[in-house]
Amino acid sequence: MAGGAGAVWLEIAPSAAKCMSEEIQSNVVVIGDYSVLYEHHHAHPTVTVKVTSPFGDIVHHKEKASTDQFAFTTAEAGNYLACFSVDGENKGLVVKLNLDWRFGIATKDWDSVAKKEKLEGIELELLKLETAVQAIHENLLLLRSKEADMRDVSEKTNVRVKLLSMVSLSICIIVSALQLWHLQQYFQKKKLI
């Protein structure tokens, strides 16, 4: 699918965890590089990293990490969550972390592709553009199917609302008729009519 990349700086409080999430389709390569920034020369803080899939499966877990990388291919579509927390011995420090999260075509190593395919200059740029166009096309197809699903849900909801309206209107008419019949019977017994 369409590639995404983003580098962010996270400031992790001593008693909390910071989490980042990305909505990613299935069968997409994901690479994340993270590193702790050392502001204090005497302390080298470390973090615990946990990356989970949309269904809660742990994709990557590392404790006492200062610099590392996670890489995986998504098994299911949804929000993938990466959480970072300060390790126990560094609990008094506010830790700054650099996270570079890439997925899709942004993970491709174009230099190795160029060497393998013996491409240069414009040929490599055309290959990059072709890959980007394919990713955009797949993304548009995915959006089209999501739109069709949303339209189906909307139409089903519309039919159900119409049915509920008809049922509630019928109940109101029946209750009104019963009330008129009951009042007519009551007034006849009291000989007011």
C-alpha atoms as a PDB file:
ATOM      1  CA  MET A   1       0.000   0.000   0.000  1.00  0.00           C
ATOM      2  CA  ALA A   2       1.009   3.620  -0.073  1.00  0.00           C
ATOM      3  CA  GLY A   3       4.110   4.166   1.946  1.00  0.00           C
ATOM      4  CA  GLY A   4       4.335   6.338   4.929  1.00  0.00           C
ATOM      5  CA  ALA A   5       7.252   7.650   6.869  1.00  0.00           C
ATOM      6  CA  GLY A   6       7.559   9.884   9.810  1.00  0.00           C
ATOM      7  CA  ALA A   7      10.239  10.798  12.273  1.00  0.00           C
ATOM      8  CA  VAL A   8       9.090  12.138  15.616  1.00  0.00           C
ATOM      9  CA  TRP A   9      10.679  13.165  18.869  1.00  0.00           C
ATOM     10  CA  LEU A  10       8.968  11.822  21.968  1.00  0.00           C
ATOM     11  CA  GLU A  11       9.469  13.139  25.468  1.00  0.00           C
ATOM     12  CA  ILE A  12       8.710  10.310  27.895  1.00  0.00           C
ATOM     13  CA  ALA A  13       7.811  11.252  31.462  1.00  0.00           C
ATOM     14  CA  PRO A  14       9.272   9.119  34.267  1.00  0.00           C
ATOM     15  CA  SER A  15       5.971   7.596  35.341  1.00  0.00           C
ATOM     16  CA  ALA A  16       4.184   7.282  32.006  1.00  0.00           C
ATOM     17  CA  ALA A  17       4.429   5.620  28.635  1.00  0.00           C
ATOM     18  CA  LYS A  18       4.209   7.331  25.266  1.00  0.00           C
ATOM     19  CA  CYS A  19       2.504   5.500  22.428  1.00  0.00           C
ATOM     20  CA  MET A  20       2.330   6.067  18.680  1.00  0.00           C
ATOM     21  CA  SER A  21      -0.098   4.326  16.370  1.00  0.00           C
ATOM     22  CA  GLU A  22      -0.343   3.913  12.619  1.00  0.00           C
ATOM     23  CA  GLU A  23      -3.189   2.429  10.605  1.00  0.00           C
ATOM     24  CA  ILE A  24      -1.510  -0.042   8.258  1.00  0.00           C
ATOM     25  CA  GLN A  25      -2.945  -2.560   5.791  1.00  0.00           C
ATOM     26  CA  SER A  26      -2.049  -6.260   5.791  1.00  0.00           C
ATOM     27  CA  ASN A  27       1.075  -7.610   4.058  1.00  0.00           C
ATOM     28  CA  VAL A  28       2.983  -4.337   4.408  1.00  0.00           C
ATOM     29  CA  VAL A  29       6.620  -4.121   5.513  1.00  0.00           C
ATOM     30  CA  VAL A  30       7.132  -1.922   8.594  1.00  0.00           C
ATOM     31  CA  ILE A  31      10.476  -0.658   9.866  1.00  0.00           C
ATOM     32  CA  GLY A  32      11.010   1.473  12.942  1.00  0.00           C
ATOM     33  CA  ASP A  33      14.289   2.917  14.194  1.00  0.00           C
ATOM     34  CA  TYR A  34      14.430   4.426  17.665  1.00  0.00           C
ATOM     35  CA  SER A  35      17.186   5.920  19.767  1.00  0.00           C
ATOM     36  CA  VAL A  36      17.361   7.579  23.166  1.00  0.00           C
ATOM     37  CA  LEU A  37      18.969  11.011  23.284  1.00  0.00           C
ATOM     38  CA  TYR A  38      21.495  11.532  26.065  1.00  0.00           C
ATOM     39  CA  GLU A  39      21.100  14.907  27.692  1.00  0.00           C
ATOM     40  CA  HIS A  40      22.774  13.919  30.957  1.00  0.00           C
ATOM     41  CA  HIS A  41      26.402  12.911  30.529  1.00  0.00           C
ATOM     42  CA  HIS A  42      26.412  10.791  33.692  1.00  0.00           C
ATOM     43  CA  ALA A  43      23.209   8.891  32.859  1.00  0.00           C
ATOM     44  CA  HIS A  44      22.514   6.650  29.883  1.00  0.00           C
ATOM     45  CA  PRO A  45      18.761   6.054  30.125  1.00  0.00           C
ATOM     46  CA  THR A  46      17.089   3.061  28.530  1.00  0.00           C
ATOM     47  CA  VAL A  47      13.513   2.382  27.530  1.00  0.00           C
ATOM     48  CA  THR A  48      11.163  -0.558  27.207  1.00  0.00           C
ATOM     49  CA  VAL A  49       9.604  -0.866  23.763  1.00  0.00           C
ATOM     50  CA  LYS A  50       6.467  -2.817  22.922  1.00  0.00           C
ATOM     51  CA  VAL A  51       4.840  -2.920  19.481  1.00  0.00           C
ATOM     52  CA  THR A  52       1.426  -4.598  19.238  1.00  0.00           C
ATOM     53  CA  SER A  53      -0.866  -5.544  16.380  1.00  0.00           C
ATOM     54  CA  PRO A  54      -4.532  -4.477  16.114  1.00  0.00           C
ATOM     55  CA  PHE A  55      -5.595  -7.683  17.905  1.00  0.00           C
ATOM     56  CA  GLY A  56      -3.082  -7.215  20.737  1.00  0.00           C
ATOM     57  CA  ASP A  57      -0.390  -9.627  19.548  1.00  0.00           C
ATOM     58  CA  ILE A  58       3.110  -8.496  20.509  1.00  0.00           C
ATOM     59  CA  VAL A  59       5.122  -7.883  17.332  1.00  0.00           C
ATOM     60  CA  HIS A  60       8.255  -6.479  19.032  1.00  0.00           C
ATOM     61  CA  HIS A  61       9.278  -6.266  22.670  1.00  0.00           C
ATOM     62  CA  LYS A  62      12.612  -5.049  24.010  1.00  0.00           C
ATOM     63  CA  GLU A  63      13.707  -3.946  27.477  1.00  0.00           C
ATOM     64  CA  LYS A  64      16.685  -1.791  28.402  1.00  0.00           C
ATOM     65  CA  ALA A  65      17.127  -0.481  24.866  1.00  0.00           C
ATOM     66  CA  SER A  66      18.870   2.753  23.999  1.00  0.00           C
ATOM     67  CA  THR A  67      19.075   2.273  20.223  1.00  0.00           C
ATOM     68  CA  ASP A  68      17.396  -0.452  18.222  1.00  0.00           C
ATOM     69  CA  GLN A  69      15.170  -1.253  15.285  1.00  0.00           C
ATOM     70  CA  PHE A  70      11.982  -3.234  14.780  1.00  0.00           C
ATOM     71  CA  ALA A  71      10.921  -4.706  11.471  1.00  0.00           C
ATOM     72  CA  PHE A  72       7.962  -6.901  10.582  1.00  0.00           C
ATOM     73  CA  THR A  73       5.398  -7.598   7.906  1.00  0.00           C
ATOM     74  CA  THR A  74       1.831  -6.898   8.977  1.00  0.00           C
ATOM     75  CA  ALA A  75      -0.439  -9.911   9.255  1.00  0.00           C
ATOM     76  CA  GLU A  76      -3.708  -8.012   9.595  1.00  0.00           C
ATOM     77  CA  ALA A  77      -4.932  -4.532   8.783  1.00  0.00           C
ATOM     78  CA  GLY A  78      -5.537  -2.017  11.542  1.00  0.00           C
ATOM     79  CA  ASN A  79      -3.821   0.236  14.085  1.00  0.00           C
ATOM     80  CA  TYR A  80      -0.349  -0.891  15.088  1.00  0.00           C
ATOM     81  CA  LEU A  81       0.729   0.595  18.418  1.00  0.00           C
ATOM     82  CA  ALA A  82       4.313   1.282  19.564  1.00  0.00           C
ATOM     83  CA  CYS A  83       4.653   2.149  23.268  1.00  0.00           C
ATOM     84  CA  PHE A  84       7.805   3.425  24.977  1.00  0.00           C
ATOM     85  CA  SER A  85       8.375   3.685  28.729  1.00  0.00           C
ATOM     86  CA  VAL A  86      11.391   4.580  30.861  1.00  0.00           C
ATOM     87  CA  ASP A  87      13.139   1.611  32.487  1.00  0.00           C
ATOM     88  CA  GLY A  88      13.192   1.201  36.270  1.00  0.00           C
ATOM     89  CA  GLU A  89      16.646   2.537  37.109  1.00  0.00           C
ATOM     90  CA  ASN A  90      15.970   5.730  35.118  1.00  0.00           C
ATOM     91  CA  LYS A  91      12.575   6.521  36.635  1.00  0.00           C
ATOM     92  CA  GLY A  92      13.608  10.029  37.727  1.00  0.00           C
ATOM     93  CA  LEU A  93      14.596  11.177  34.246  1.00  0.00           C
ATOM     94  CA  VAL A  94      12.559  12.660  31.447  1.00  0.00           C
ATOM     95  CA  VAL A  95      13.803  10.756  28.424  1.00  0.00           C
ATOM     96  CA  LYS A  96      13.774  12.071  24.864  1.00  0.00           C
ATOM     97  CA  LEU A  97      13.478   9.518  22.103  1.00  0.00           C
ATOM     98  CA  ASN A  98      13.781   9.764  18.331  1.00  0.00           C
ATOM     99  CA  LEU A  99      11.429   7.445  16.413  1.00  0.00           C
ATOM    100  CA  ASP A 100      11.616   6.937  12.663  1.00  0.00           C
ATOM    101  CA  TRP A 101       8.623   4.799  11.589  1.00  0.00           C
ATOM    102  CA  ARG A 102       8.380   3.758   7.917  1.00  0.00           C
ATOM    103  CA  PHE A 103       6.046   1.404   6.082  1.00  0.00           C
ATOM    104  CA  GLY A 104       5.152   0.420   2.536  1.00  0.00           C
ATOM    105  CA  ILE A 105       7.303   1.776  -0.265  1.00  0.00           C
ATOM    106  CA  ALA A 106       9.124   4.081   2.155  1.00  0.00           C
ATOM    107  CA  THR A 107      10.943   0.986   3.481  1.00  0.00           C
ATOM    108  CA  LYS A 108      12.434   0.056   0.114  1.00  0.00           C
ATOM    109  CA  ASP A 109      16.210   0.310  -0.210  1.00  0.00           C
ATOM    110  CA  TRP A 110      16.484   1.967  -3.611  1.00  0.00           C
ATOM    111  CA  ASP A 111      20.292   1.817  -3.705  1.00  0.00           C
ATOM    112  CA  SER A 112      20.295  -1.983  -3.522  1.00  0.00           C
ATOM    113  CA  VAL A 113      17.486  -2.148  -6.101  1.00  0.00           C
ATOM    114  CA  ALA A 114      19.511   0.082  -8.442  1.00  0.00           C
ATOM    115  CA  LYS A 115      22.615  -2.116  -8.048  1.00  0.00           C
ATOM    116  CA  LYS A 116      20.668  -5.351  -8.480  1.00  0.00           C
ATOM    117  CA  GLU A 117      18.721  -4.170 -11.523  1.00  0.00           C
ATOM    118  CA  LYS A 118      21.693  -2.146 -12.872  1.00  0.00           C
ATOM    119  CA  LEU A 119      19.607   1.015 -13.062  1.00  0.00           C
ATOM    120  CA  GLU A 120      20.900   4.550 -13.173  1.00  0.00           C
ATOM    121  CA  GLY A 121      19.472   8.047 -13.043  1.00  0.00           C
ATOM    122  CA  ILE A 122      16.183   8.388 -14.858  1.00  0.00           C
ATOM    123  CA  GLU A 123      15.553   4.617 -14.972  1.00  0.00           C
ATOM    124  CA  LEU A 124      15.698   4.453 -11.184  1.00  0.00           C
ATOM    125  CA  GLU A 125      13.455   7.503 -10.836  1.00  0.00           C
ATOM    126  CA  LEU A 126      10.942   5.958 -13.248  1.00  0.00           C
ATOM    127  CA  LEU A 127      10.958   2.736 -11.217  1.00  0.00           C
ATOM    128  CA  LYS A 128      10.327   4.754  -8.044  1.00  0.00           C
ATOM    129  CA  LEU A 129       7.449   6.578  -9.738  1.00  0.00           C
ATOM    130  CA  GLU A 130       5.990   3.329 -11.072  1.00  0.00           C
ATOM    131  CA  THR A 131       6.109   1.800  -7.578  1.00  0.00           C
ATOM    132  CA  ALA A 132       4.479   4.909  -6.115  1.00  0.00           C
ATOM    133  CA  VAL A 133       1.729   4.841  -8.754  1.00  0.00           C
ATOM    134  CA  GLN A 134       1.048   1.157  -8.032  1.00  0.00           C
ATOM    135  CA  ALA A 135       0.823   1.918  -4.304  1.00  0.00           C
ATOM    136  CA  ILE A 136      -1.557   4.817  -4.936  1.00  0.00           C
ATOM    137  CA  HIS A 137      -3.685   2.642  -7.236  1.00  0.00           C
ATOM    138  CA  GLU A 138      -3.915  -0.103  -4.579  1.00  0.00           C
ATOM    139  CA  ASN A 139      -4.795   2.514  -1.983  1.00  0.00           C
ATOM    140  CA  LEU A 140      -7.561   3.899  -4.208  1.00  0.00           C
ATOM    141  CA  LEU A 141      -8.966   0.394  -4.707  1.00  0.00           C
ATOM    142  CA  LEU A 142      -8.940  -0.102  -0.954  1.00  0.00           C
ATOM    143  CA  LEU A 143     -10.707   3.232  -0.422  1.00  0.00           C
ATOM    144  CA  ARG A 144     -13.283   2.292  -3.049  1.00  0.00           C
ATOM    145  CA  SER A 145     -14.050  -0.989  -1.269  1.00  0.00           C
ATOM    146  CA  LYS A 146     -14.285   0.820   2.092  1.00  0.00           C
ATOM    147  CA  GLU A 147     -16.668   3.347   0.531  1.00  0.00           C
ATOM    148  CA  ALA A 148     -18.818   0.520  -0.863  1.00  0.00           C
ATOM    149  CA  ASP A 149     -18.929  -1.110   2.575  1.00  0.00           C
ATOM    150  CA  MET A 150     -19.912   2.202   4.180  1.00  0.00           C
ATOM    151  CA  ARG A 151     -22.627   2.723   1.548  1.00  0.00           C
ATOM    152  CA  ASP A 152     -24.025  -0.773   2.238  1.00  0.00           C
ATOM    153  CA  VAL A 153     -24.078  -0.101   5.976  1.00  0.00           C
ATOM    154  CA  SER A 154     -25.761   3.260   5.369  1.00  0.00           C
ATOM    155  CA  GLU A 155     -28.448   1.685   3.160  1.00  0.00           C
ATOM    156  CA  LYS A 156     -29.125  -1.084   5.708  1.00  0.00           C
ATOM    157  CA  THR A 157     -29.402   1.515   8.472  1.00  0.00           C
ATOM    158  CA  ASN A 158     -31.782   3.577   6.339  1.00  0.00           C
ATOM    159  CA  VAL A 159     -34.051   0.544   5.765  1.00  0.00           C
ATOM    160  CA  ARG A 160     -34.046  -0.263   9.476  1.00  0.00           C
ATOM    161  CA  VAL A 161     -34.905   3.336  10.418  1.00  0.00           C
ATOM    162  CA  LYS A 162     -37.806   3.301   7.939  1.00  0.00           C
ATOM    163  CA  LEU A 163     -39.052   0.012   9.410  1.00  0.00           C
ATOM    164  CA  LEU A 164     -38.746   1.352  12.956  1.00  0.00           C
ATOM    165  CA  SER A 165     -40.639   4.508  11.947  1.00  0.00           C
ATOM    166  CA  MET A 166     -43.455   2.467  10.413  1.00  0.00           C
ATOM    167  CA  VAL A 167     -43.680   0.186  13.461  1.00  0.00           C
ATOM    168  CA  SER A 168     -43.711   3.103  15.902  1.00  0.00           C
ATOM    169  CA  LEU A 169     -46.339   4.963  13.819  1.00  0.00           C
ATOM    170  CA  SER A 170     -48.488   1.798  13.716  1.00  0.00           C
ATOM    171  CA  ILE A 171     -48.181   1.371  17.482  1.00  0.00           C
ATOM    172  CA  CYS A 172     -49.180   5.023  18.026  1.00  0.00           C
ATOM    173  CA  ILE A 173     -52.272   4.617  15.787  1.00  0.00           C
ATOM    174  CA  ILE A 174     -53.295   1.371  17.527  1.00  0.00           C
ATOM    175  CA  VAL A 175     -52.844   2.904  21.002  1.00  0.00           C
ATOM    176  CA  SER A 176     -54.874   5.973  19.972  1.00  0.00           C
ATOM    177  CA  ALA A 177     -57.682   3.770  18.631  1.00  0.00           C
ATOM    178  CA  LEU A 178     -57.684   1.721  21.854  1.00  0.00           C
ATOM    179  CA  GLN A 179     -57.810   4.895  23.940  1.00  0.00           C
ATOM    180  CA  LEU A 180     -60.807   6.191  21.933  1.00  0.00           C
ATOM    181  CA  TRP A 181     -62.581   2.839  22.282  1.00  0.00           C
ATOM    182  CA  HIS A 182     -61.887   2.751  26.034  1.00  0.00           C
ATOM    183  CA  LEU A 183     -63.108   6.333  26.536  1.00  0.00           C
ATOM    184  CA  GLN A 184     -66.239   5.616  24.499  1.00  0.00           C
ATOM    185  CA  GLN A 185     -66.981   2.547  26.655  1.00  0.00           C
ATOM    186  CA  TYR A 186     -66.335   4.550  29.841  1.00  0.00           C
ATOM    187  CA  PHE A 187     -68.650   7.406  28.845  1.00  0.00           C
ATOM    188  CA  GLN A 188     -71.390   4.945  27.813  1.00  0.00           C
ATOM    189  CA  LYS A 189     -71.224   3.221  31.235  1.00  0.00           C
ATOM    190  CA  LYS A 190     -71.470   6.571  32.981  1.00  0.00           C
ATOM    191  CA  LYS A 191     -74.348   7.486  30.629  1.00  0.00           C
ATOM    192  CA  LEU A 192     -72.666  10.669  29.517  1.00  0.00           C
ATOM    193  CA  ILE A 193     -73.128   9.817  25.855  1.00  0.00           C
END
